[in-house]
Protein backbone atom coordinates (compact mmCIF):
# COMPACT_ATOMS: atom_id res chain seq x y z
CA MET A 1 66.27 108.44 214.58
CA GLU A 2 64.06 105.52 213.54
CA MET A 3 63.75 104.46 217.20
CA LEU A 4 62.40 107.89 218.22
CA ALA A 5 59.96 107.90 215.29
CA ASN A 6 58.77 104.44 216.29
CA LYS A 7 58.19 105.57 219.87
CA LEU A 8 56.05 108.48 218.64
CA ALA A 9 54.12 106.24 216.24
CA ASP A 10 53.56 103.48 218.75
CA SER A 11 52.22 105.79 221.46
CA ARG A 12 50.31 108.63 219.76
CA GLY A 13 49.65 106.94 216.44
CA LYS A 14 48.43 103.63 217.79
CA ASP A 15 46.00 105.24 220.24
CA TYR A 16 44.65 107.58 217.55
CA ILE A 17 44.12 104.77 215.03
CA ASN A 18 42.55 102.47 217.62
CA GLU A 19 39.93 105.16 218.34
CA HIS A 20 38.86 104.98 214.68
CA ILE A 21 38.99 101.24 214.07
CA ALA A 22 37.47 99.91 217.31
CA LYS A 23 34.44 98.47 215.50
CA TYR A 24 36.79 96.45 213.24
CA GLY A 25 39.57 95.42 215.60
CA LYS A 26 42.63 96.66 217.45
CA LEU A 27 46.08 97.76 216.33
CA LYS A 28 48.78 95.87 218.26
CA SER A 29 51.86 97.64 216.92
CA LEU A 30 52.75 100.49 214.62
CA PHE A 31 56.31 101.25 213.50
CA PHE A 32 58.51 102.47 210.66
CA LYS A 33 61.06 100.26 208.94
CA ASP A 34 62.92 100.81 205.67
CA GLY A 35 60.78 103.85 204.82
CA GLN A 36 57.51 101.95 205.23
CA ILE A 37 54.79 102.05 207.85
CA ARG A 38 54.31 98.58 209.30
CA ALA A 39 51.62 97.40 211.67
CA SER A 40 50.04 94.35 213.18
CA LEU A 41 46.43 94.12 214.20
CA LEU A 42 43.71 91.80 215.41
CA LEU A 43 40.30 91.91 213.73
CA ASN A 44 37.15 91.39 215.77
CA GLY A 45 36.12 87.76 215.40
CA LEU A 46 39.60 86.75 214.19
CA GLU A 47 41.56 87.44 217.39
CA ASP A 48 43.53 84.20 216.99
CA ARG A 49 45.15 85.43 213.75
CA GLU A 50 47.52 88.38 213.84
CA ILE A 51 47.42 90.36 210.60
CA THR A 52 50.48 92.22 209.38
CA ILE A 53 50.30 95.24 207.11
CA SER A 54 52.87 97.43 205.43
CA CYS A 55 52.47 100.59 203.40
CA ALA A 56 55.16 101.33 200.82
CA SER A 57 54.20 104.92 200.05
CA VAL A 58 53.84 107.39 202.92
CA ASN A 59 53.58 111.15 202.51
CA ILE A 60 53.14 113.32 205.62
CA ALA A 61 52.25 117.02 205.30
CA GLU A 62 54.95 119.28 206.71
CA ASP A 63 52.69 120.36 209.59
CA GLY A 64 51.34 116.82 210.17
CA SER A 65 47.78 117.81 209.22
CA GLU A 66 47.47 115.16 206.51
CA ILE A 67 48.93 111.77 205.69
CA SER A 68 48.71 110.04 202.30
CA LEU A 69 49.09 106.28 202.01
CA ALA A 70 49.43 103.88 199.06
CA GLY A 71 50.94 100.53 198.15
CA PHE A 72 49.61 98.29 200.93
CA SER A 73 50.62 94.67 201.45
CA SER A 74 49.42 92.15 204.03
CA ASN A 75 49.76 88.51 205.05
CA LEU A 76 45.99 88.22 204.45
CA PRO A 77 45.13 88.83 200.76
CA CYS A 78 41.58 90.12 201.39
CA VAL A 79 42.93 92.73 203.84
CA GLU A 80 45.58 93.80 201.31
CA GLN A 81 42.94 94.17 198.58
CA ALA A 82 40.56 96.12 200.83
CA LEU A 83 43.31 98.51 201.95
CA ASN A 84 44.45 99.14 198.37
CA ASP A 85 40.84 99.66 197.22
CA PHE A 86 39.64 101.91 200.04
CA CYS A 87 42.63 103.42 201.87
CA THR A 88 44.91 104.58 199.06
CA ARG A 89 44.26 108.27 199.59
CA SER A 90 44.95 111.24 201.84
CA PHE A 91 43.59 111.37 205.38
CA PRO A 92 43.17 114.60 207.36
CA VAL A 93 44.57 114.51 210.90
CA ASN A 94 42.42 116.57 213.29
CA SER A 95 44.19 115.81 216.57
CA LYS A 96 46.79 118.50 217.34
CA GLY A 97 48.87 116.01 219.36
CA VAL A 98 48.97 113.54 216.47
CA GLN A 99 49.80 116.36 214.02
CA ILE A 100 52.81 117.31 216.14
CA ALA A 101 53.92 113.67 216.35
CA LEU A 102 53.56 113.22 212.56
CA ALA A 103 55.48 116.44 211.85
CA GLY A 104 58.26 115.13 214.10
CA ILE A 105 58.26 111.74 212.41
CA ARG A 106 58.40 113.45 209.00
CA LYS A 107 61.48 115.42 210.03
CA LEU A 108 63.18 112.36 211.49
CA LEU A 109 62.53 109.94 208.65
CA PHE A 110 61.78 111.76 205.41
């Protein structure tokens, strides 16, 4: 089950997120492990240092139209602080394809 969820996240989710963070960097991987979202990314100007992120609290709306995130951690303290300060909230998901993928992930993992 986790493998299928990871395939959905890594294809649809990664592309969707990369569209929104292009001015900051690029997401290299996105996957679920032990009930957490985990990711690695490269920030513009810091391409030689891979940054890892995990999110301990994930809540996906039943129809995939919204995702709420909280409890971030990172191998780079300033990234962890910024994520906890600015990204601990709910995000609307406007892409129908991503909504379907999130609804599927929700059913598989939660």
